[in-house]
Amino acid sequence: MFLAEELIRLGITDDVRVEVDLQHSAIWMAGVYLMLLMQFLENKVAVELTRSEFLEAQEALVQMKNWFIRFPTILQACESIIEMLRGQYSHSVGCYNEAAFHYVEAAKITESKSMQIMCQAYAAISYFCIGDAESSSQALDLIGPVYRMKDSFVGVREEASILFAYGLLLMKQQDLQEARKRKSRSRDNIDCNLCYIATRTGGSPDGDSGRCPQLCMPLN
């Protein structure tokens, strides 16, 4: 693998366990290749979760965590992404409490407003999936303030996520007609995203997703 070969050439081997062991002249280029590696692993986690290949997703996520532990300063920007992916993994295998926890932590860590909004929406959805009154209240606390700001969003993903989560909230409140409107707008935004991705990659926006009755496994 090209990235692995370049990292070895820069002195990042199994013997180099911490950042201080790196040669000063290699730190900048090492950071570039490490960020590329983390991006590759992030995409792998997302793809494997979409395919319901939970073991492969977990292995990629563990790799991300291990790289971050070894090089926390160089990979500081990846900390919130790892937490968000842990939330997505936990939600995919039905561990909604754990998923909500990781999403909330990711929102706290990141300085990106866009990612904060996404993580709050994801956390709210996980709380809705728990299903009890306390969790629904926590979801409302997360989604309410963000929904009131929705007109200021510039990203399609952010607006789609918030509209979807708010649609679930309305369903909980038995306002089914209004819920359909919100979720329809959310679906339209998601369809726009998928069509854009398809035209950029030459692929098809269609895909399948499934659920696997698998227990959560620790990533620490």
Protein backbone atom coordinates (compact mmCIF):
# COMPACT_ATOMS: atom_id res chain seq x y z
CA MET A 1 0.00 0.00 0.00
CA PHE A 2 1.43 3.35 -1.09
CA LEU A 3 0.68 5.23 2.14
CA ALA A 4 2.23 2.52 4.32
CA GLU A 5 5.39 2.54 2.20
CA GLU A 6 5.71 6.33 2.44
CA LEU A 7 5.20 6.28 6.20
CA ILE A 8 7.93 3.68 6.58
CA ARG A 9 10.23 5.78 4.39
CA LEU A 10 9.62 8.72 6.74
CA GLY A 11 10.57 6.62 9.73
CA ILE A 12 7.09 5.74 11.00
CA THR A 13 7.48 2.08 11.84
CA ASP A 14 6.16 -0.13 14.64
CA ASP A 15 9.16 0.94 16.71
CA VAL A 16 8.06 4.59 16.60
CA ARG A 17 5.34 4.68 19.24
CA VAL A 18 5.17 8.42 19.99
CA GLU A 19 5.58 11.69 18.13
CA VAL A 20 8.78 12.68 19.92
CA ASP A 21 10.53 9.72 18.31
CA LEU A 22 10.05 11.24 14.85
CA GLN A 23 12.83 13.16 13.18
CA HIS A 24 12.00 16.85 13.13
CA SER A 25 12.53 17.06 9.37
CA ALA A 26 9.99 14.28 8.76
CA ILE A 27 7.15 15.60 10.92
CA TRP A 28 5.47 17.79 8.30
CA MET A 29 5.40 15.17 5.52
CA ALA A 30 4.49 12.49 8.04
CA GLY A 31 1.49 14.61 9.00
CA VAL A 32 0.35 14.81 5.38
CA TYR A 33 0.50 11.05 4.89
CA LEU A 34 -1.05 10.29 8.27
CA MET A 35 -4.00 12.55 7.47
CA LEU A 36 -4.42 10.82 4.12
CA LEU A 37 -4.36 7.46 5.88
CA MET A 38 -7.00 8.62 8.37
CA GLN A 39 -9.19 9.87 5.51
CA PHE A 40 -8.89 6.48 3.83
CA LEU A 41 -9.84 4.69 7.06
CA GLU A 42 -12.73 7.08 7.68
CA ASN A 43 -14.13 6.29 4.23
CA LYS A 44 -13.62 2.58 4.84
CA VAL A 45 -15.62 2.73 8.08
CA ALA A 46 -18.46 4.55 6.30
CA VAL A 47 -18.50 2.10 3.38
CA GLU A 48 -18.38 -1.00 5.59
CA LEU A 49 -21.21 0.30 7.80
CA THR A 50 -23.28 0.96 4.68
CA ARG A 51 -22.65 -2.64 3.61
CA SER A 52 -23.47 -3.88 7.16
CA GLU A 53 -19.96 -5.33 7.38
CA PHE A 54 -19.62 -4.43 11.04
CA LEU A 55 -16.45 -6.37 11.84
CA GLU A 56 -14.53 -4.70 9.00
CA ALA A 57 -15.86 -1.30 10.07
CA GLN A 58 -14.75 -1.93 13.62
CA GLU A 59 -11.26 -3.00 12.52
CA ALA A 60 -10.81 0.21 10.51
CA LEU A 61 -12.09 2.25 13.45
CA VAL A 62 -9.66 0.55 15.82
CA GLN A 63 -6.84 1.40 13.43
CA MET A 64 -7.90 5.05 13.45
CA LYS A 65 -7.98 5.07 17.24
CA ASN A 66 -4.54 3.44 17.48
CA TRP A 67 -2.99 5.93 15.05
CA PHE A 68 -4.51 8.80 17.03
CA ILE A 69 -3.14 7.44 20.31
CA ARG A 70 0.34 7.26 18.78
CA PHE A 71 0.26 10.71 17.15
CA PRO A 72 -2.32 12.82 19.02
CA THR A 73 -0.83 16.20 18.13
CA ILE A 74 -0.41 15.54 14.42
CA LEU A 75 -3.87 13.96 14.24
CA GLN A 76 -5.65 16.30 16.62
CA ALA A 77 -8.22 17.25 13.97
CA CYS A 78 -9.26 13.59 13.69
CA GLU A 79 -10.37 13.20 17.31
CA SER A 80 -13.92 14.43 16.74
CA ILE A 81 -14.21 12.39 13.53
CA ILE A 82 -13.25 9.23 15.41
CA GLU A 83 -15.89 9.95 18.07
CA MET A 84 -18.52 10.55 15.39
CA LEU A 85 -17.63 7.29 13.64
CA ARG A 86 -17.80 5.44 16.96
CA GLY A 87 -21.30 6.85 17.28
CA GLN A 88 -22.22 5.66 13.81
CA TYR A 89 -20.84 2.19 14.51
CA SER A 90 -22.68 1.96 17.85
CA HIS A 91 -25.95 3.10 16.29
CA SER A 92 -25.57 0.60 13.44
CA VAL A 93 -25.31 -2.33 15.87
CA GLY A 94 -28.20 -1.09 18.01
CA CYS A 95 -26.30 0.45 20.94
CA TYR A 96 -28.19 3.73 20.94
CA ASN A 97 -27.15 5.00 24.37
CA GLU A 98 -23.49 4.55 23.47
CA ALA A 99 -24.07 6.11 20.05
CA ALA A 100 -25.66 9.22 21.54
CA PHE A 101 -22.78 9.55 24.00
CA HIS A 102 -20.15 9.47 21.24
CA TYR A 103 -22.08 11.95 19.08
CA VAL A 104 -22.38 14.40 21.96
CA GLU A 105 -18.66 14.02 22.72
CA ALA A 106 -17.78 14.64 19.07
CA ALA A 107 -19.88 17.81 19.06
CA LYS A 108 -18.03 19.03 22.16
CA ILE A 109 -14.58 18.35 20.71
CA THR A 110 -14.94 19.80 17.23
CA GLU A 111 -14.64 23.48 16.39
CA SER A 112 -16.53 22.99 13.13
CA LYS A 113 -20.05 24.40 13.35
CA SER A 114 -21.16 22.11 10.53
CA MET A 115 -19.95 18.99 12.33
CA GLN A 116 -21.49 20.15 15.61
CA ILE A 117 -24.87 20.40 13.88
CA MET A 118 -24.49 16.98 12.26
CA CYS A 119 -23.49 15.31 15.52
CA GLN A 120 -26.36 16.92 17.41
CA ALA A 121 -28.79 15.64 14.79
CA TYR A 122 -27.25 12.14 14.93
CA ALA A 123 -27.39 12.13 18.73
CA ALA A 124 -31.03 13.18 18.66
CA ILE A 125 -31.87 10.33 16.29
CA SER A 126 -30.10 7.84 18.56
CA TYR A 127 -32.05 9.17 21.54
CA PHE A 128 -35.29 8.77 19.58
CA CYS A 129 -34.36 5.16 18.88
CA ILE A 130 -34.04 4.45 22.61
CA GLY A 131 -37.71 5.28 22.81
CA ASP A 132 -38.35 6.23 26.44
CA ALA A 133 -39.63 9.60 27.65
CA GLU A 134 -36.31 10.77 29.10
CA SER A 135 -34.43 10.04 25.88
CA SER A 136 -37.08 11.81 23.80
CA SER A 137 -36.67 14.85 26.07
CA GLN A 138 -32.90 14.77 25.56
CA ALA A 139 -33.43 14.57 21.79
CA LEU A 140 -35.71 17.60 21.95
CA ASP A 141 -33.10 19.53 23.92
CA LEU A 142 -30.58 18.80 21.17
CA ILE A 143 -32.71 19.33 18.08
CA GLY A 144 -34.90 22.24 19.15
CA PRO A 145 -32.27 25.01 19.28
CA VAL A 146 -30.56 23.80 16.11
CA TYR A 147 -33.84 23.54 14.19
CA ARG A 148 -34.60 27.19 14.92
CA MET A 149 -31.30 28.06 13.21
CA LYS A 150 -31.91 25.89 10.13
CA ASP A 151 -32.37 28.82 7.73
CA SER A 152 -28.75 29.86 8.35
CA PHE A 153 -27.31 26.48 7.27
CA VAL A 154 -25.29 26.45 4.09
CA GLY A 155 -24.79 22.69 3.83
CA VAL A 156 -27.35 20.28 2.38
CA ARG A 157 -26.31 17.50 4.75
CA GLU A 158 -26.82 19.63 7.83
CA GLU A 159 -30.28 20.76 6.78
CA ALA A 160 -31.30 17.24 5.71
CA SER A 161 -30.17 15.76 9.04
CA ILE A 162 -31.96 18.37 11.10
CA LEU A 163 -35.18 18.08 9.08
CA PHE A 164 -35.09 14.29 9.40
CA ALA A 165 -34.52 14.43 13.16
CA TYR A 166 -37.23 17.07 13.56
CA GLY A 167 -39.58 14.88 11.53
CA LEU A 168 -38.99 12.05 14.01
CA LEU A 169 -39.76 14.47 16.85
CA LEU A 170 -43.07 15.42 15.23
CA MET A 171 -43.92 11.74 14.79
CA LYS A 172 -43.34 11.25 18.50
CA GLN A 173 -45.72 14.11 19.13
CA GLN A 174 -48.30 12.48 16.80
CA ASP A 175 -48.16 15.42 14.35
CA LEU A 176 -47.94 13.01 11.44
CA GLN A 177 -48.93 15.36 8.62
CA GLU A 178 -46.27 17.91 9.53
CA ALA A 179 -43.75 15.10 10.09
CA ARG A 180 -44.29 13.88 6.53
CA LYS A 181 -43.54 17.36 5.20
CA ARG A 182 -40.28 17.64 7.13
CA LYS A 183 -39.09 14.16 6.24
CA SER A 184 -40.03 14.70 2.59
CA ARG A 185 -37.89 17.84 2.48
CA SER A 186 -35.11 15.89 4.17
CA ARG A 187 -35.36 13.13 1.55
CA ASP A 188 -35.28 15.66 -1.28
CA ASN A 189 -32.06 17.12 0.11
CA ILE A 190 -30.52 13.69 0.53
CA ASP A 191 -31.50 12.77 -3.05
CA CYS A 192 -29.75 15.93 -4.27
CA ASN A 193 -26.62 14.89 -2.39
CA LEU A 194 -26.70 11.35 -3.80
CA CYS A 195 -27.22 12.55 -7.37
CA TYR A 196 -24.31 14.97 -7.00
CA ILE A 197 -22.06 12.20 -5.65
CA ALA A 198 -23.13 9.86 -8.44
CA THR A 199 -22.31 12.39 -11.14
CA ARG A 200 -18.92 13.07 -9.58
CA THR A 201 -17.98 9.39 -9.20
CA GLY A 202 -19.76 7.91 -12.19
CA GLY A 203 -21.63 5.53 -9.92
CA SER A 204 -25.24 4.96 -9.01
CA PRO A 205 -26.94 6.63 -6.06
CA ASP A 206 -28.82 3.42 -5.33
CA GLY A 207 -27.60 1.14 -2.61
CA ASP A 208 -28.74 -1.18 0.10
CA SER A 209 -28.35 -1.18 3.81
CA GLY A 210 -29.18 -3.74 6.44
CA ARG A 211 -29.14 -4.44 10.10
CA CYS A 212 -27.16 -7.10 11.88
CA PRO A 213 -28.05 -8.26 15.40
CA GLN A 214 -24.51 -7.82 16.72
CA LEU A 215 -23.42 -6.73 20.16
CA CYS A 216 -21.37 -3.61 20.70
CA MET A 217 -17.66 -4.24 21.07
CA PRO A 218 -15.28 -1.91 22.94
CA LEU A 219 -12.88 0.14 20.84
CA ASN A 220 -10.66 1.40 23.65
